[in-house]
N, C-alpha and C. Protein backbone atom coordinates (compact mmCIF):
# COMPACT_ATOMS: atom_id res chain seq x y z
N MET A 1 86.51 90.94 84.14
CA MET A 1 87.75 90.30 84.52
C MET A 1 88.24 89.40 83.40
N GLY A 2 87.32 88.75 82.71
CA GLY A 2 87.69 87.85 81.62
C GLY A 2 88.45 88.56 80.52
N ASP A 3 88.00 89.78 80.17
CA ASP A 3 88.71 90.55 79.14
C ASP A 3 90.16 90.79 79.54
N LEU A 4 90.36 91.12 80.79
CA LEU A 4 91.70 91.42 81.27
C LEU A 4 92.56 90.17 81.33
N LEU A 5 91.98 89.05 81.69
CA LEU A 5 92.74 87.80 81.76
C LEU A 5 93.29 87.40 80.40
N THR A 6 92.61 87.77 79.33
CA THR A 6 93.11 87.44 78.00
C THR A 6 94.41 88.19 77.70
N HIS A 7 94.66 89.27 78.40
CA HIS A 7 95.88 90.05 78.21
C HIS A 7 96.94 89.78 79.28
N ALA A 8 96.68 88.84 80.16
CA ALA A 8 97.58 88.57 81.29
C ALA A 8 99.00 88.25 80.83
N ALA A 9 99.14 87.41 79.82
CA ALA A 9 100.48 87.04 79.37
C ALA A 9 101.23 88.26 78.83
N ASP A 10 100.53 89.10 78.06
CA ASP A 10 101.17 90.32 77.53
C ASP A 10 101.60 91.25 78.66
N LEU A 11 100.82 91.29 79.72
CA LEU A 11 101.11 92.16 80.85
C LEU A 11 102.12 91.55 81.82
N ARG A 12 102.40 90.27 81.63
CA ARG A 12 103.32 89.52 82.51
C ARG A 12 102.85 89.56 83.96
N LEU A 13 101.55 89.37 84.12
CA LEU A 13 100.95 89.35 85.45
C LEU A 13 100.19 88.05 85.63
N SER A 14 100.19 87.56 86.84
CA SER A 14 99.40 86.37 87.16
C SER A 14 97.94 86.79 87.38
N GLU A 15 97.06 85.80 87.41
CA GLU A 15 95.66 86.09 87.69
C GLU A 15 95.51 86.75 89.05
N ARG A 16 96.26 86.29 90.04
CA ARG A 16 96.21 86.86 91.38
C ARG A 16 96.64 88.34 91.35
N GLU A 17 97.72 88.64 90.63
CA GLU A 17 98.19 90.03 90.53
C GLU A 17 97.15 90.92 89.85
N LEU A 18 96.48 90.39 88.82
CA LEU A 18 95.43 91.16 88.15
C LEU A 18 94.27 91.43 89.10
N LYS A 19 93.86 90.41 89.84
CA LYS A 19 92.76 90.58 90.79
C LYS A 19 93.11 91.61 91.85
N ASP A 20 94.34 91.55 92.35
CA ASP A 20 94.77 92.52 93.36
C ASP A 20 94.77 93.93 92.79
N ALA A 21 95.24 94.09 91.57
CA ALA A 21 95.27 95.41 90.94
C ALA A 21 93.87 95.97 90.75
N ILE A 22 92.95 95.13 90.31
CA ILE A 22 91.57 95.57 90.12
C ILE A 22 90.96 95.96 91.46
N LYS A 23 91.23 95.17 92.48
CA LYS A 23 90.71 95.46 93.82
C LYS A 23 91.21 96.82 94.31
N ILE A 24 92.49 97.07 94.13
CA ILE A 24 93.07 98.36 94.55
C ILE A 24 92.43 99.51 93.77
N TRP A 25 92.31 99.37 92.46
CA TRP A 25 91.73 100.43 91.63
C TRP A 25 90.29 100.72 92.04
N CYS A 26 89.51 99.66 92.22
CA CYS A 26 88.08 99.84 92.51
C CYS A 26 87.81 100.35 93.92
N ARG A 27 88.81 100.36 94.77
CA ARG A 27 88.66 100.93 96.11
C ARG A 27 89.19 102.35 96.17
N GLY A 28 89.67 102.86 95.06
CA GLY A 28 90.31 104.17 95.05
C GLY A 28 89.37 105.33 94.81
N THR A 29 89.74 106.47 95.32
CA THR A 29 88.96 107.69 95.19
C THR A 29 88.77 108.09 93.74
N ARG A 30 89.79 107.95 92.91
CA ARG A 30 89.66 108.35 91.50
C ARG A 30 88.56 107.54 90.82
N TYR A 31 88.48 106.26 91.10
CA TYR A 31 87.44 105.41 90.52
C TYR A 31 86.06 105.87 91.01
N TRP A 32 85.93 106.06 92.32
CA TRP A 32 84.64 106.47 92.88
C TRP A 32 84.20 107.81 92.31
N ASN A 33 85.14 108.74 92.10
CA ASN A 33 84.79 110.04 91.54
C ASN A 33 84.25 109.93 90.13
N CYS A 34 84.62 108.89 89.41
CA CYS A 34 84.13 108.68 88.05
C CYS A 34 82.74 108.06 88.01
N LEU A 35 82.30 107.52 89.13
CA LEU A 35 81.00 106.86 89.18
C LEU A 35 79.89 107.90 89.39
N VAL A 36 79.63 108.64 88.34
CA VAL A 36 78.61 109.67 88.34
C VAL A 36 77.43 109.14 87.53
N GLU A 37 76.24 109.29 88.08
CA GLU A 37 75.05 108.78 87.41
C GLU A 37 75.00 109.23 85.95
N GLY A 38 74.82 108.27 85.05
CA GLY A 38 74.71 108.56 83.63
C GLY A 38 76.05 108.61 82.90
N ALA A 39 77.15 108.58 83.63
CA ALA A 39 78.47 108.59 82.99
C ALA A 39 78.65 107.29 82.21
N PRO A 40 79.35 107.35 81.09
CA PRO A 40 79.53 106.11 80.32
C PRO A 40 80.47 105.14 81.01
N ARG A 41 80.17 103.87 80.84
CA ARG A 41 81.09 102.80 81.25
C ARG A 41 81.74 102.31 79.95
N VAL A 42 83.02 101.98 80.04
CA VAL A 42 83.73 101.51 78.85
C VAL A 42 84.50 100.23 79.18
N ASP A 43 84.74 99.42 78.14
CA ASP A 43 85.52 98.20 78.34
C ASP A 43 87.00 98.53 78.18
N LEU A 44 87.83 97.51 78.23
CA LEU A 44 89.28 97.71 78.17
C LEU A 44 89.75 98.28 76.84
N SER A 45 88.92 98.16 75.81
CA SER A 45 89.27 98.71 74.50
C SER A 45 88.71 100.11 74.30
N GLY A 46 88.01 100.62 75.31
CA GLY A 46 87.42 101.95 75.21
C GLY A 46 86.04 101.99 74.57
N ASN A 47 85.44 100.82 74.36
CA ASN A 47 84.11 100.76 73.75
C ASN A 47 83.05 100.94 74.82
N PRO A 48 81.98 101.67 74.50
CA PRO A 48 80.90 101.87 75.48
C PRO A 48 80.25 100.54 75.86
N THR A 49 79.96 100.39 77.15
CA THR A 49 79.30 99.16 77.62
C THR A 49 78.11 99.47 78.51
N GLY A 50 77.67 100.70 78.54
CA GLY A 50 76.52 101.07 79.36
C GLY A 50 76.78 102.38 80.08
N GLU A 51 75.99 102.62 81.09
CA GLU A 51 76.10 103.85 81.88
C GLU A 51 76.13 103.51 83.37
N VAL A 52 76.70 104.41 84.15
CA VAL A 52 76.69 104.27 85.60
C VAL A 52 75.25 104.44 86.08
N THR A 53 74.78 103.49 86.84
CA THR A 53 73.40 103.53 87.33
C THR A 53 73.30 104.45 88.55
N PRO A 54 72.09 104.90 88.87
CA PRO A 54 71.91 105.68 90.09
C PRO A 54 72.38 104.91 91.34
N ALA A 55 72.15 103.59 91.37
CA ALA A 55 72.59 102.79 92.52
C ALA A 55 74.11 102.76 92.64
N ASP A 56 74.80 102.61 91.49
CA ASP A 56 76.27 102.62 91.51
C ASP A 56 76.81 103.96 91.98
N ALA A 57 76.22 105.04 91.48
CA ALA A 57 76.66 106.38 91.87
C ALA A 57 76.40 106.62 93.36
N GLY A 58 75.25 106.18 93.85
CA GLY A 58 74.92 106.34 95.26
C GLY A 58 75.87 105.56 96.15
N ARG A 59 76.21 104.34 95.74
CA ARG A 59 77.15 103.53 96.53
C ARG A 59 78.52 104.20 96.57
N ALA A 60 78.96 104.76 95.46
CA ALA A 60 80.25 105.44 95.42
C ALA A 60 80.25 106.64 96.38
N ARG A 61 79.14 107.38 96.41
CA ARG A 61 79.05 108.53 97.33
C ARG A 61 79.09 108.05 98.78
N GLN A 62 78.41 106.95 99.08
CA GLN A 62 78.43 106.40 100.44
C GLN A 62 79.85 105.99 100.84
N LEU A 63 80.54 105.33 99.94
CA LEU A 63 81.91 104.90 100.23
C LEU A 63 82.83 106.10 100.43
N GLN A 64 82.66 107.12 99.60
CA GLN A 64 83.46 108.35 99.74
C GLN A 64 83.21 108.99 101.09
N ALA A 65 81.94 109.09 101.48
CA ALA A 65 81.58 109.75 102.73
C ALA A 65 82.12 108.99 103.94
N GLY A 66 82.24 107.68 103.84
CA GLY A 66 82.71 106.88 104.95
C GLY A 66 84.22 106.79 105.07
N ARG A 67 84.92 107.29 104.07
CA ARG A 67 86.38 107.22 104.09
C ARG A 67 86.93 108.38 104.90
N PRO A 68 87.89 108.12 105.79
CA PRO A 68 88.49 109.21 106.56
C PRO A 68 89.20 110.19 105.63
N ALA A 69 89.16 111.45 106.00
CA ALA A 69 89.84 112.48 105.21
C ALA A 69 91.33 112.22 105.22
N ARG A 70 91.96 112.42 104.07
CA ARG A 70 93.42 112.25 103.98
C ARG A 70 94.10 113.51 104.44
N SER A 71 95.24 113.34 105.04
CA SER A 71 96.03 114.50 105.42
C SER A 71 97.49 114.21 105.10
N ASN A 72 98.30 115.23 105.13
CA ASN A 72 99.71 115.07 104.87
C ASN A 72 100.49 114.76 106.14
N GLN A 73 99.76 114.63 107.25
CA GLN A 73 100.39 114.35 108.53
C GLN A 73 100.63 112.85 108.64
N PRO A 74 101.80 112.43 109.17
CA PRO A 74 102.03 111.00 109.36
C PRO A 74 101.06 110.45 110.39
N GLN A 75 100.67 109.20 110.21
CA GLN A 75 99.79 108.57 111.18
C GLN A 75 100.59 108.25 112.43
N SER A 76 99.87 108.06 113.54
CA SER A 76 100.56 107.79 114.80
C SER A 76 101.47 106.58 114.64
N GLY A 77 102.64 106.70 115.23
CA GLY A 77 103.59 105.62 115.16
C GLY A 77 104.52 105.70 113.96
N GLN A 78 104.25 106.61 113.03
CA GLN A 78 105.10 106.78 111.86
C GLN A 78 105.89 108.06 111.99
N GLN A 79 107.10 108.03 111.51
CA GLN A 79 107.93 109.22 111.54
C GLN A 79 107.86 109.92 110.20
N SER A 80 107.94 111.22 110.24
CA SER A 80 107.97 112.01 109.01
C SER A 80 109.31 111.85 108.35
N THR A 81 109.31 111.82 107.00
CA THR A 81 110.56 111.67 106.25
C THR A 81 111.07 113.02 105.77
N SER A 82 110.43 114.13 106.18
CA SER A 82 110.89 115.44 105.71
C SER A 82 111.96 116.02 106.58
């Protein structure tokens, strides 16, 4: 988070907005799909900072499995826009 805060002024985002963005990204399917055991971790500059651990990969799989399947159907109470 500290690395990103150093760029906050350039990004024109507050600390709260950065935290919210990180929270959204880290809860997303694309992020979880990247958490494969042994995959490289990189910093904001693209430099290697380690590897995804077996525990991290296992947690990502658990989170994926617990997420309801997405569908193109509107949820109850919502109207379709098509």
